[in-house]
């Protein structure tokens, strides 16, 4: 009821009356969860999906669970990803320079 009043541009007092008279405060109907249905409709309507994709990045949606978060007992942290931290970039650059030196000293790219 409230959604219908809001969609037709009802006043604040009409919205309050609709909330007070609403028998179904949980938002569930025979069609399912109204909030989920509304989000799906927003996503499929023209710019809705584009706006959500640009704000959340990529293929994420507001309904999708984050894959990098640890759930359950003791959860809430993030799963570790590969990152170069501390002295790691220095060691990676040294290994790359050594590999280049070995390649160049064995002939490498000859210019003759």
PDB file of N, CA and C in Angstrom:
ATOM      1  N   UNK A   1       0.821  -1.189   0.000  1.00  0.00           N
ATOM      2  CA  UNK A   1       0.000   0.000   0.000  1.00  0.00           C
ATOM      3  C   UNK A   1       0.865   1.252   0.000  1.00  0.00           C
ATOM      4  N   UNK A   2       1.867   1.265   0.862  1.00  0.00           N
ATOM      5  CA  UNK A   2       2.747   2.428   0.944  1.00  0.00           C
ATOM      6  C   UNK A   2       3.470   2.648  -0.378  1.00  0.00           C
ATOM      7  N   UNK A   3       3.938   1.570  -0.980  1.00  0.00           N
ATOM      8  CA  UNK A   3       4.652   1.704  -2.252  1.00  0.00           C
ATOM      9  C   UNK A   3       3.755   2.289  -3.328  1.00  0.00           C
ATOM     10  N   UNK A   4       2.489   1.883  -3.329  1.00  0.00           N
ATOM     11  CA  UNK A   4       1.550   2.424  -4.313  1.00  0.00           C
ATOM     12  C   UNK A   4       1.325   3.914  -4.097  1.00  0.00           C
ATOM     13  N   UNK A   5       1.196   4.325  -2.840  1.00  0.00           N
ATOM     14  CA  UNK A   5       1.012   5.744  -2.528  1.00  0.00           C
ATOM     15  C   UNK A   5       2.241   6.529  -2.962  1.00  0.00           C
ATOM     16  N   UNK A   6       3.421   5.985  -2.697  1.00  0.00           N
ATOM     17  CA  UNK A   6       4.655   6.679  -3.067  1.00  0.00           C
ATOM     18  C   UNK A   6       4.832   6.732  -4.579  1.00  0.00           C
ATOM     19  N   UNK A   7       4.468   5.649  -5.282  1.00  0.00           N
ATOM     20  CA  UNK A   7       4.621   5.626  -6.736  1.00  0.00           C
ATOM     21  C   UNK A   7       3.715   6.643  -7.419  1.00  0.00           C
ATOM     22  N   UNK A   8       2.528   6.879  -6.854  1.00  0.00           N
ATOM     23  CA  UNK A   8       1.645   7.850  -7.472  1.00  0.00           C
ATOM     24  C   UNK A   8       1.916   9.266  -6.973  1.00  0.00           C
ATOM     25  N   UNK A   9       2.929   9.433  -6.110  1.00  0.00           N
ATOM     26  CA  UNK A   9       3.332  10.760  -5.657  1.00  0.00           C
ATOM     27  C   UNK A   9       2.476  11.304  -4.539  1.00  0.00           C
ATOM     28  N   UNK A  10       2.017  10.433  -3.639  1.00  0.00           N
ATOM     29  CA  UNK A  10       1.179  10.865  -2.522  1.00  0.00           C
ATOM     30  C   UNK A  10       1.931  11.746  -1.549  1.00  0.00           C
ATOM     31  N   UNK A  11       1.187  12.491  -0.746  1.00  0.00           N
ATOM     32  CA  UNK A  11       1.795  13.382   0.236  1.00  0.00           C
ATOM     33  C   UNK A  11       2.315  12.575   1.426  1.00  0.00           C
ATOM     34  N   UNK A  12       3.023  13.259   2.315  1.00  0.00           N
ATOM     35  CA  UNK A  12       3.584  12.611   3.495  1.00  0.00           C
ATOM     36  C   UNK A  12       2.465  12.068   4.386  1.00  0.00           C
ATOM     37  N   UNK A  13       1.411  12.848   4.535  1.00  0.00           N
ATOM     38  CA  UNK A  13       0.303  12.388   5.387  1.00  0.00           C
ATOM     39  C   UNK A  13      -0.362  11.147   4.798  1.00  0.00           C
ATOM     40  N   UNK A  14      -0.483  11.063   3.479  1.00  0.00           N
ATOM     41  CA  UNK A  14      -1.036   9.864   2.854  1.00  0.00           C
ATOM     42  C   UNK A  14      -0.118   8.660   3.086  1.00  0.00           C
ATOM     43  N   UNK A  15       1.177   8.874   3.048  1.00  0.00           N
ATOM     44  CA  UNK A  15       2.136   7.790   3.302  1.00  0.00           C
ATOM     45  C   UNK A  15       2.014   7.301   4.743  1.00  0.00           C
ATOM     46  N   UNK A  16       1.863   8.215   5.679  1.00  0.00           N
ATOM     47  CA  UNK A  16       1.721   7.826   7.090  1.00  0.00           C
ATOM     48  C   UNK A  16       0.445   7.030   7.296  1.00  0.00           C
ATOM     49  N   UNK A  17      -0.629   7.460   6.674  1.00  0.00           N
ATOM     50  CA  UNK A  17      -1.897   6.731   6.784  1.00  0.00           C
ATOM     51  C   UNK A  17      -1.752   5.340   6.178  1.00  0.00           C
ATOM     52  N   UNK A  18      -1.061   5.227   5.037  1.00  0.00           N
ATOM     53  CA  UNK A  18      -0.853   3.922   4.398  1.00  0.00           C
ATOM     54  C   UNK A  18      -0.022   3.003   5.298  1.00  0.00           C
ATOM     55  N   UNK A  19       0.995   3.568   5.991  1.00  0.00           N
ATOM     56  CA  UNK A  19       1.809   2.749   6.894  1.00  0.00           C
ATOM     57  C   UNK A  19       0.992   2.275   8.090  1.00  0.00           C
ATOM     58  N   UNK A  20       0.148   3.136   8.624  1.00  0.00           N
ATOM     59  CA  UNK A  20      -0.651   2.758   9.789  1.00  0.00           C
ATOM     60  C   UNK A  20      -1.709   1.716   9.451  1.00  0.00           C
ATOM     61  N   UNK A  21      -2.213   1.736   8.222  1.00  0.00           N
ATOM     62  CA  UNK A  21      -3.254   0.793   7.827  1.00  0.00           C
ATOM     63  C   UNK A  21      -2.690  -0.498   7.229  1.00  0.00           C
ATOM     64  N   UNK A  22      -1.389  -0.571   7.052  1.00  0.00           N
ATOM     65  CA  UNK A  22      -0.775  -1.719   6.380  1.00  0.00           C
ATOM     66  C   UNK A  22      -0.868  -2.978   7.255  1.00  0.00           C
ATOM     67  N   UNK A  23      -1.531  -4.033   6.763  1.00  0.00           N
ATOM     68  CA  UNK A  23      -1.613  -5.268   7.541  1.00  0.00           C
ATOM     69  C   UNK A  23      -0.355  -6.135   7.413  1.00  0.00           C
ATOM     70  N   UNK A  24       0.445  -5.889   6.396  1.00  0.00           N
ATOM     71  CA  UNK A  24       1.612  -6.728   6.114  1.00  0.00           C
ATOM     72  C   UNK A  24       2.872  -5.880   6.256  1.00  0.00           C
ATOM     73  N   UNK A  25       3.378  -5.757   7.466  1.00  0.00           N
ATOM     74  CA  UNK A  25       4.530  -4.896   7.696  1.00  0.00           C
ATOM     75  C   UNK A  25       5.849  -5.550   7.292  1.00  0.00           C
ATOM     76  N   UNK A  26       5.859  -6.863   7.100  1.00  0.00           N
ATOM     77  CA  UNK A  26       7.105  -7.546   6.758  1.00  0.00           C
ATOM     78  C   UNK A  26       7.476  -7.376   5.288  1.00  0.00           C
ATOM     79  N   UNK A  27       6.514  -7.018   4.432  1.00  0.00           N
ATOM     80  CA  UNK A  27       6.808  -6.804   3.024  1.00  0.00           C
ATOM     81  C   UNK A  27       6.679  -8.037   2.173  1.00  0.00           C
ATOM     82  N   UNK A  28       6.240  -9.161   2.742  1.00  0.00           N
ATOM     83  CA  UNK A  28       6.068 -10.386   1.971  1.00  0.00           C
ATOM     84  C   UNK A  28       4.660 -10.443   1.410  1.00  0.00           C
ATOM     85  N   UNK A  29       4.546 -10.961   0.205  1.00  0.00           N
ATOM     86  CA  UNK A  29       3.239 -11.129  -0.420  1.00  0.00           C
ATOM     87  C   UNK A  29       3.200 -12.495  -1.083  1.00  0.00           C
ATOM     88  N   UNK A  30       2.149 -12.773  -1.810  1.00  0.00           N
ATOM     89  CA  UNK A  30       2.048 -14.051  -2.517  1.00  0.00           C
ATOM     90  C   UNK A  30       3.108 -14.159  -3.613  1.00  0.00           C
ATOM     91  N   UNK A  31       3.573 -13.022  -4.092  1.00  0.00           N
ATOM     92  CA  UNK A  31       4.583 -12.996  -5.152  1.00  0.00           C
ATOM     93  C   UNK A  31       5.998 -13.128  -4.600  1.00  0.00           C
ATOM     94  N   UNK A  32       6.191 -12.976  -3.315  1.00  0.00           N
ATOM     95  CA  UNK A  32       7.522 -13.065  -2.709  1.00  0.00           C
ATOM     96  C   UNK A  32       7.845 -11.803  -1.942  1.00  0.00           C
ATOM     97  N   UNK A  33       9.106 -11.616  -1.647  1.00  0.00           N
ATOM     98  CA  UNK A  33       9.583 -10.445  -0.907  1.00  0.00           C
ATOM     99  C   UNK A  33       9.481  -9.214  -1.806  1.00  0.00           C
ATOM    100  N   UNK A  34       8.676  -8.243  -1.389  1.00  0.00           N
ATOM    101  CA  UNK A  34       8.448  -7.059  -2.216  1.00  0.00           C
ATOM    102  C   UNK A  34       9.741  -6.291  -2.451  1.00  0.00           C
ATOM    103  N   UNK A  35      10.576  -6.191  -1.439  1.00  0.00           N
ATOM    104  CA  UNK A  35      11.828  -5.438  -1.572  1.00  0.00           C
ATOM    105  C   UNK A  35      12.723  -6.069  -2.634  1.00  0.00           C
ATOM    106  N   UNK A  36      12.801  -7.394  -2.643  1.00  0.00           N
ATOM    107  CA  UNK A  36      13.612  -8.090  -3.645  1.00  0.00           C
ATOM    108  C   UNK A  36      13.013  -7.919  -5.038  1.00  0.00           C
ATOM    109  N   UNK A  37      11.698  -8.000  -5.133  1.00  0.00           N
ATOM    110  CA  UNK A  37      11.025  -7.792  -6.423  1.00  0.00           C
ATOM    111  C   UNK A  37      11.277  -6.374  -6.924  1.00  0.00           C
ATOM    112  N   UNK A  38      11.219  -5.394  -6.015  1.00  0.00           N
ATOM    113  CA  UNK A  38      11.449  -4.002  -6.397  1.00  0.00           C
ATOM    114  C   UNK A  38      12.883  -3.789  -6.894  1.00  0.00           C
ATOM    115  N   UNK A  39      13.846  -4.419  -6.215  1.00  0.00           N
ATOM    116  CA  UNK A  39      15.242  -4.287  -6.652  1.00  0.00           C
ATOM    117  C   UNK A  39      15.467  -4.925  -8.019  1.00  0.00           C
ATOM    118  N   UNK A  40      14.836  -6.091  -8.257  1.00  0.00           N
ATOM    119  CA  UNK A  40      14.951  -6.748  -9.563  1.00  0.00           C
ATOM    120  C   UNK A  40      14.364  -5.864 -10.656  1.00  0.00           C
ATOM    121  N   UNK A  41      13.219  -5.249 -10.370  1.00  0.00           N
ATOM    122  CA  UNK A  41      12.588  -4.352 -11.346  1.00  0.00           C
ATOM    123  C   UNK A  41      13.489  -3.157 -11.625  1.00  0.00           C
ATOM    124  N   UNK A  42      14.097  -2.589 -10.579  1.00  0.00           N
ATOM    125  CA  UNK A  42      15.011  -1.460 -10.733  1.00  0.00           C
ATOM    126  C   UNK A  42      16.215  -1.851 -11.590  1.00  0.00           C
ATOM    127  N   UNK A  43      16.718  -3.073 -11.359  1.00  0.00           N
ATOM    128  CA  UNK A  43      17.889  -3.550 -12.083  1.00  0.00           C
ATOM    129  C   UNK A  43      17.592  -3.752 -13.562  1.00  0.00           C
ATOM    130  N   UNK A  44      16.384  -4.210 -13.888  1.00  0.00           N
ATOM    131  CA  UNK A  44      16.053  -4.487 -15.287  1.00  0.00           C
ATOM    132  C   UNK A  44      15.578  -3.248 -16.031  1.00  0.00           C
ATOM    133  N   UNK A  45      15.120  -2.231 -15.327  1.00  0.00           N
ATOM    134  CA  UNK A  45      14.661  -1.005 -15.983  1.00  0.00           C
ATOM    135  C   UNK A  45      15.859  -0.175 -16.421  1.00  0.00           C
ATOM    136  N   UNK A  46      15.978   0.086 -17.708  1.00  0.00           N
ATOM    137  CA  UNK A  46      16.950   0.990 -18.316  1.00  0.00           C
ATOM    138  C   UNK A  46      18.216   1.264 -17.552  1.00  0.00           C
ATOM    139  N   UNK A  47      18.273   2.415 -16.893  1.00  0.00           N
ATOM    140  CA  UNK A  47      19.495   2.890 -16.249  1.00  0.00           C
ATOM    141  C   UNK A  47      19.770   2.242 -14.899  1.00  0.00           C
ATOM    142  N   UNK A  48      18.773   1.579 -14.299  1.00  0.00           N
ATOM    143  CA  UNK A  48      18.953   1.018 -12.956  1.00  0.00           C
ATOM    144  C   UNK A  48      20.130   0.072 -12.858  1.00  0.00           C
ATOM    145  N   UNK A  49      20.230  -0.873 -13.797  1.00  0.00           N
ATOM    146  CA  UNK A  49      21.337  -1.824 -13.779  1.00  0.00           C
ATOM    147  C   UNK A  49      22.675  -1.164 -14.023  1.00  0.00           C
ATOM    148  N   UNK A  50      22.694  -0.163 -14.900  1.00  0.00           N
ATOM    149  CA  UNK A  50      23.935   0.551 -15.201  1.00  0.00           C
ATOM    150  C   UNK A  50      24.418   1.340 -13.992  1.00  0.00           C
ATOM    151  N   UNK A  51      23.492   1.990 -13.307  1.00  0.00           N
ATOM    152  CA  UNK A  51      23.864   2.765 -12.113  1.00  0.00           C
ATOM    153  C   UNK A  51      24.407   1.844 -11.028  1.00  0.00           C
ATOM    154  N   UNK A  52      23.714   0.713 -10.804  1.00  0.00           N
ATOM    155  CA  UNK A  52      24.164  -0.224  -9.768  1.00  0.00           C
ATOM    156  C   UNK A  52      25.526  -0.809 -10.120  1.00  0.00           C
ATOM    157  N   UNK A  53      25.727  -1.162 -11.394  1.00  0.00           N
ATOM    158  CA  UNK A  53      27.010  -1.727 -11.799  1.00  0.00           C
ATOM    159  C   UNK A  53      28.136  -0.710 -11.657  1.00  0.00           C
ATOM    160  N   UNK A  54      27.865   0.558 -11.975  1.00  0.00           N
ATOM    161  CA  UNK A  54      28.919   1.561 -11.882  1.00  0.00           C
ATOM    162  C   UNK A  54      29.244   1.902 -10.429  1.00  0.00           C
ATOM    163  N   UNK A  55      28.239   1.890  -9.545  1.00  0.00           N
ATOM    164  CA  UNK A  55      28.504   2.213  -8.143  1.00  0.00           C
ATOM    165  C   UNK A  55      29.138   1.055  -7.394  1.00  0.00           C
ATOM    166  N   UNK A  56      28.705  -0.170  -7.675  1.00  0.00           N
ATOM    167  CA  UNK A  56      29.240  -1.327  -6.961  1.00  0.00           C
ATOM    168  C   UNK A  56      30.426  -1.957  -7.674  1.00  0.00           C
ATOM    169  N   UNK A  57      30.607  -1.645  -8.935  1.00  0.00           N
ATOM    170  CA  UNK A  57      31.738  -2.165  -9.684  1.00  0.00           C
ATOM    171  C   UNK A  57      31.510  -3.550 -10.235  1.00  0.00           C
ATOM    172  N   UNK A  58      31.603  -3.677 -11.540  1.00  0.00           N
ATOM    173  CA  UNK A  58      31.523  -4.976 -12.185  1.00  0.00           C
ATOM    174  C   UNK A  58      30.169  -5.633 -12.105  1.00  0.00           C
ATOM    175  N   UNK A  59      30.188  -6.947 -11.836  1.00  0.00           N
ATOM    176  CA  UNK A  59      28.963  -7.732 -11.841  1.00  0.00           C
ATOM    177  C   UNK A  59      28.361  -7.880 -10.454  1.00  0.00           C
ATOM    178  N   UNK A  60      28.862  -7.137  -9.484  1.00  0.00           N
ATOM    179  CA  UNK A  60      28.317  -7.219  -8.132  1.00  0.00           C
ATOM    180  C   UNK A  60      26.929  -6.596  -8.118  1.00  0.00           C
ATOM    181  N   UNK A  61      26.070  -7.154  -7.276  1.00  0.00           N
ATOM    182  CA  UNK A  61      24.767  -6.550  -7.033  1.00  0.00           C
ATOM    183  C   UNK A  61      24.593  -6.411  -5.536  1.00  0.00           C
ATOM    184  N   UNK A  62      23.598  -5.661  -5.150  1.00  0.00           N
ATOM    185  CA  UNK A  62      23.374  -5.443  -3.733  1.00  0.00           C
ATOM    186  C   UNK A  62      22.949  -6.729  -3.039  1.00  0.00           C
ATOM    187  N   UNK A  63      22.396  -7.687  -3.801  1.00  0.00           N
ATOM    188  CA  UNK A  63      21.930  -8.938  -3.224  1.00  0.00           C
ATOM    189  C   UNK A  63      23.019 -10.005  -3.138  1.00  0.00           C
ATOM    190  N   UNK A  64      24.125  -9.818  -3.832  1.00  0.00           N
ATOM    191  CA  UNK A  64      25.182 -10.831  -3.865  1.00  0.00           C
ATOM    192  C   UNK A  64      26.041 -10.753  -2.611  1.00  0.00           C
ATOM    193  N   UNK A  65      26.464 -11.915  -2.140  1.00  0.00           N
ATOM    194  CA  UNK A  65      27.356 -11.953  -0.977  1.00  0.00           C
ATOM    195  C   UNK A  65      28.792 -11.723  -1.436  1.00  0.00           C
ATOM    196  N   UNK A  66      29.540 -11.056  -0.614  1.00  0.00           N
ATOM    197  CA  UNK A  66      30.942 -10.788  -0.906  1.00  0.00           C
ATOM    198  C   UNK A  66      31.725 -12.086  -0.795  1.00  0.00           C
ATOM    199  N   UNK A  67      32.528 -12.410  -1.803  1.00  0.00           N
ATOM    200  CA  UNK A  67      33.266 -13.671  -1.802  1.00  0.00           C
ATOM    201  C   UNK A  67      34.531 -13.629  -0.963  1.00  0.00           C
ATOM    202  N   UNK A  68      35.073 -12.434  -0.744  1.00  0.00           N
ATOM    203  CA  UNK A  68      36.338 -12.352  -0.023  1.00  0.00           C
ATOM    204  C   UNK A  68      36.161 -12.229   1.489  1.00  0.00           C
ATOM    205  N   UNK A  69      34.920 -12.188   1.978  1.00  0.00           N
ATOM    206  CA  UNK A  69      34.666 -12.064   3.413  1.00  0.00           C
ATOM    207  C   UNK A  69      34.513 -13.456   4.018  1.00  0.00           C
ATOM    208  N   UNK A  70      35.101 -13.649   5.199  1.00  0.00           N
ATOM    209  CA  UNK A  70      34.988 -14.919   5.910  1.00  0.00           C
ATOM    210  C   UNK A  70      33.747 -14.855   6.791  1.00  0.00           C
ATOM    211  N   UNK A  71      32.826 -15.809   6.590  1.00  0.00           N
ATOM    212  CA  UNK A  71      31.588 -15.856   7.362  1.00  0.00           C
ATOM    213  C   UNK A  71      31.685 -16.940   8.431  1.00  0.00           C
ATOM    214  N   UNK A  72      30.804 -16.900   9.407  1.00  0.00           N
ATOM    215  CA  UNK A  72      30.763 -17.936  10.433  1.00  0.00           C
ATOM    216  C   UNK A  72      31.460 -17.494  11.701  1.00  0.00           C
ATOM    217  N   UNK A  73      31.744 -18.486  12.564  1.00  0.00           N
ATOM    218  CA  UNK A  73      32.367 -18.196  13.844  1.00  0.00           C
ATOM    219  C   UNK A  73      33.752 -17.587  13.644  1.00  0.00           C
ATOM    220  N   UNK A  74      33.971 -16.460  14.276  1.00  0.00           N
ATOM    221  CA  UNK A  74      35.257 -15.779  14.152  1.00  0.00           C
ATOM    222  C   UNK A  74      35.433 -15.087  12.816  1.00  0.00           C
ATOM    223  N   UNK A  75      34.348 -14.915  12.078  1.00  0.00           N
ATOM    224  CA  UNK A  75      34.425 -14.332  10.740  1.00  0.00           C
ATOM    225  C   UNK A  75      34.458 -12.825  10.754  1.00  0.00           C
ATOM    226  N   UNK A  76      34.258 -12.269   9.601  1.00  0.00           N
ATOM    227  CA  UNK A  76      34.266 -10.823   9.452  1.00  0.00           C
ATOM    228  C   UNK A  76      35.534 -10.321   8.807  1.00  0.00           C
ATOM    229  N   UNK A  77      36.571 -11.130   8.830  1.00  0.00           N
ATOM    230  CA  UNK A  77      37.818 -10.729   8.186  1.00  0.00           C
ATOM    231  C   UNK A  77      37.753 -10.991   6.691  1.00  0.00           C
ATOM    232  N   UNK A  78      38.795 -10.678   6.002  1.00  0.00           N
ATOM    233  CA  UNK A  78      38.853 -10.903   4.556  1.00  0.00           C
ATOM    234  C   UNK A  78      39.855 -12.007   4.259  1.00  0.00           C
ATOM    235  N   UNK A  79      39.544 -12.800   3.225  1.00  0.00           N
ATOM    236  CA  UNK A  79      40.472 -13.838   2.794  1.00  0.00           C
ATOM    237  C   UNK A  79      41.699 -13.163   2.197  1.00  0.00           C
ATOM    238  N   UNK A  80      42.850 -13.768   2.441  1.00  0.00           N
ATOM    239  CA  UNK A  80      44.088 -13.157   1.970  1.00  0.00           C
ATOM    240  C   UNK A  80      44.243 -13.307   0.469  1.00  0.00           C
ATOM    241  N   UNK A  81      44.728 -12.244  -0.159  1.00  0.00           N
ATOM    242  CA  UNK A  81      45.024 -12.244  -1.589  1.00  0.00           C
ATOM    243  C   UNK A  81      46.531 -12.054  -1.749  1.00  0.00           C
ATOM    244  N   UNK A  82      47.025 -12.360  -2.929  1.00  0.00           N
ATOM    245  CA  UNK A  82      48.444 -12.151  -3.199  1.00  0.00           C
ATOM    246  C   UNK A  82      48.707 -10.656  -3.305  1.00  0.00           C
ATOM    247  N   UNK A  83      49.630 -10.146  -2.502  1.00  0.00           N
ATOM    248  CA  UNK A  83      50.015  -8.747  -2.540  1.00  0.00           C
ATOM    249  C   UNK A  83      51.511  -8.638  -2.323  1.00  0.00           C
ATOM    250  N   UNK A  84      52.099  -7.719  -3.033  1.00  0.00           N
ATOM    251  CA  UNK A  84      53.505  -7.421  -2.807  1.00  0.00           C
ATOM    252  C   UNK A  84      53.589  -6.337  -1.746  1.00  0.00           C
ATOM    253  N   UNK A  85      54.107  -6.694  -0.583  1.00  0.00           N
ATOM    254  CA  UNK A  85      54.189  -5.737   0.518  1.00  0.00           C
ATOM    255  C   UNK A  85      55.603  -5.724   1.079  1.00  0.00           C
ATOM    256  N   UNK A  86      55.921  -4.706   1.808  1.00  0.00           N
ATOM    257  CA  UNK A  86      57.217  -4.604   2.459  1.00  0.00           C
ATOM    258  C   UNK A  86      58.355  -4.600   1.444  1.00  0.00           C
ATOM    259  N   UNK A  87      59.297  -5.555   1.598  1.00  0.00           N
ATOM    260  CA  UNK A  87      60.459  -5.652   0.704  1.00  0.00           C
ATOM    261  C   UNK A  87      60.172  -6.498  -0.525  1.00  0.00           C
ATOM    262  N   UNK A  88      58.979  -7.060  -0.653  1.00  0.00           N
ATOM    263  CA  UNK A  88      58.673  -7.954  -1.776  1.00  0.00           C
ATOM    264  C   UNK A  88      58.895  -7.310  -3.148  1.00  0.00           C
ATOM    265  N   UNK A  89      58.493  -6.051  -3.376  1.00  0.00           N
ATOM    266  CA  UNK A  89      58.746  -5.457  -4.699  1.00  0.00           C
ATOM    267  C   UNK A  89      60.243  -5.358  -5.014  1.00  0.00           C
ATOM    268  N   UNK A  90      61.052  -5.093  -3.988  1.00  0.00           N
ATOM    269  CA  UNK A  90      62.503  -5.016  -4.186  1.00  0.00           C
ATOM    270  C   UNK A  90      63.061  -6.375  -4.618  1.00  0.00           C
ATOM    271  N   UNK A  91      62.611  -7.445  -3.957  1.00  0.00           N
ATOM    272  CA  UNK A  91      63.078  -8.790  -4.327  1.00  0.00           C
ATOM    273  C   UNK A  91      62.581  -9.187  -5.719  1.00  0.00           C
ATOM    274  N   UNK A  92      61.360  -8.814  -6.060  1.00  0.00           N
ATOM    275  CA  UNK A  92      60.825  -9.126  -7.393  1.00  0.00           C
ATOM    276  C   UNK A  92      61.619  -8.386  -8.464  1.00  0.00           C
ATOM    277  N   UNK A  93      61.960  -7.129  -8.217  1.00  0.00           N
ATOM    278  CA  UNK A  93      62.746  -6.358  -9.183  1.00  0.00           C
ATOM    279  C   UNK A  93      64.151  -6.953  -9.321  1.00  0.00           C
ATOM    280  N   UNK A  94      64.752  -7.385  -8.210  1.00  0.00           N
ATOM    281  CA  UNK A  94      66.072  -8.017  -8.260  1.00  0.00           C
ATOM    282  C   UNK A  94      66.042  -9.320  -9.052  1.00  0.00           C
ATOM    283  N   UNK A  95      65.016 -10.130  -8.849  1.00  0.00           N
ATOM    284  CA  UNK A  95      64.886 -11.388  -9.595  1.00  0.00           C
ATOM    285  C   UNK A  95      64.706 -11.120 -11.075  1.00  0.00           C
ATOM    286  N   UNK A  96      63.920 -10.112 -11.420  1.00  0.00           N
ATOM    287  CA  UNK A  96      63.711  -9.755 -12.822  1.00  0.00           C
ATOM    288  C   UNK A  96      65.005  -9.238 -13.456  1.00  0.00           C
ATOM    289  N   UNK A  97      65.756  -8.415 -12.715  1.00  0.00           N
ATOM    290  CA  UNK A  97      67.033  -7.903 -13.226  1.00  0.00           C
ATOM    291  C   UNK A  97      68.027  -9.040 -13.419  1.00  0.00           C
ATOM    292  N   UNK A  98      68.053 -10.005 -12.484  1.00  0.00           N
ATOM    293  CA  UNK A  98      68.953 -11.145 -12.610  1.00  0.00           C
ATOM    294  C   UNK A  98      68.580 -12.001 -13.820  1.00  0.00           C
ATOM    295  N   UNK A  99      67.284 -12.239 -14.019  1.00  0.00           N
ATOM    296  CA  UNK A  99      66.840 -13.016 -15.178  1.00  0.00           C
ATOM    297  C   UNK A  99      67.207 -12.301 -16.481  1.00  0.00           C
ATOM    298  N   UNK A 100      67.068 -10.978 -16.517  1.00  0.00           N
ATOM    299  CA  UNK A 100      67.449 -10.215 -17.703  1.00  0.00           C
ATOM    300  C   UNK A 100      68.954 -10.302 -17.936  1.00  0.00           C
ATOM    301  N   UNK A 101      69.748 -10.221 -16.866  1.00  0.00           N
ATOM    302  CA  UNK A 101      71.204 -10.313 -16.985  1.00  0.00           C
ATOM    303  C   UNK A 101      71.620 -11.662 -17.556  1.00  0.00           C
ATOM    304  N   UNK A 102      70.999 -12.745 -17.052  1.00  0.00           N
ATOM    305  CA  UNK A 102      71.314 -14.085 -17.555  1.00  0.00           C
ATOM    306  C   UNK A 102      70.937 -14.188 -19.031  1.00  0.00           C
ATOM    307  N   UNK A 103      69.767 -13.679 -19.394  1.00  0.00           N
ATOM    308  CA  UNK A 103      69.310 -13.714 -20.787  1.00  0.00           C
ATOM    309  C   UNK A 103      70.252 -12.913 -21.688  1.00  0.00           C
ATOM    310  N   UNK A 104      70.642 -11.701 -21.235  1.00  0.00           N
ATOM    311  CA  UNK A 104      71.503 -10.850 -22.053  1.00  0.00           C
ATOM    312  C   UNK A 104      72.916 -11.421 -22.165  1.00  0.00           C
ATOM    313  N   UNK A 105      73.426 -12.047 -21.117  1.00  0.00           N
ATOM    314  CA  UNK A 105      74.784 -12.576 -21.154  1.00  0.00           C
ATOM    315  C   UNK A 105      74.870 -13.855 -21.999  1.00  0.00           C
ATOM    316  N   UNK A 106      73.774 -14.511 -22.262  1.00  0.00           N
ATOM    317  CA  UNK A 106      73.748 -15.709 -23.112  1.00  0.00           C
ATOM    318  C   UNK A 106      73.392 -15.383 -24.559  1.00  0.00           C
ATOM    319  N   UNK A 107      73.495 -14.160 -24.950  1.00  0.00           N
ATOM    320  CA  UNK A 107      73.234 -13.782 -26.334  1.00  0.00           C
ATOM    321  C   UNK A 107      72.065 -12.839 -26.429  1.00  0.00           C
ATOM    322  N   UNK A 108      71.027 -13.157 -25.736  1.00  0.00           N
ATOM    323  CA  UNK A 108      69.869 -12.272 -25.705  1.00  0.00           C
ATOM    324  C   UNK A 108      69.402 -11.917 -27.107  1.00  0.00           C
ATOM    325  N   UNK A 109      69.156 -10.669 -27.319  1.00  0.00           N
ATOM    326  CA  UNK A 109      68.738 -10.157 -28.610  1.00  0.00           C
ATOM    327  C   UNK A 109      69.968  -9.657 -29.328  1.00  0.00           C
ATOM    328  N   UNK A 110      70.398 -10.373 -30.329  1.00  0.00           N
ATOM    329  CA  UNK A 110      71.609  -9.937 -31.036  1.00  0.00           C
ATOM    330  C   UNK A 110      71.238  -8.918 -32.102  1.00  0.00           C
ATOM    331  N   UNK A 111      72.065  -7.914 -32.245  1.00  0.00           N
ATOM    332  CA  UNK A 111      71.795  -6.813 -33.162  1.00  0.00           C
ATOM    333  C   UNK A 111      72.651  -6.862 -34.430  1.00  0.00           C
ATOM    334  N   UNK A 112      73.333  -7.970 -34.695  1.00  0.00           N
ATOM    335  CA  UNK A 112      74.181  -7.996 -35.899  1.00  0.00           C
ATOM    336  C   UNK A 112      73.588  -8.779 -37.004  1.00  0.00           C
TER     337      UNK A 112
END
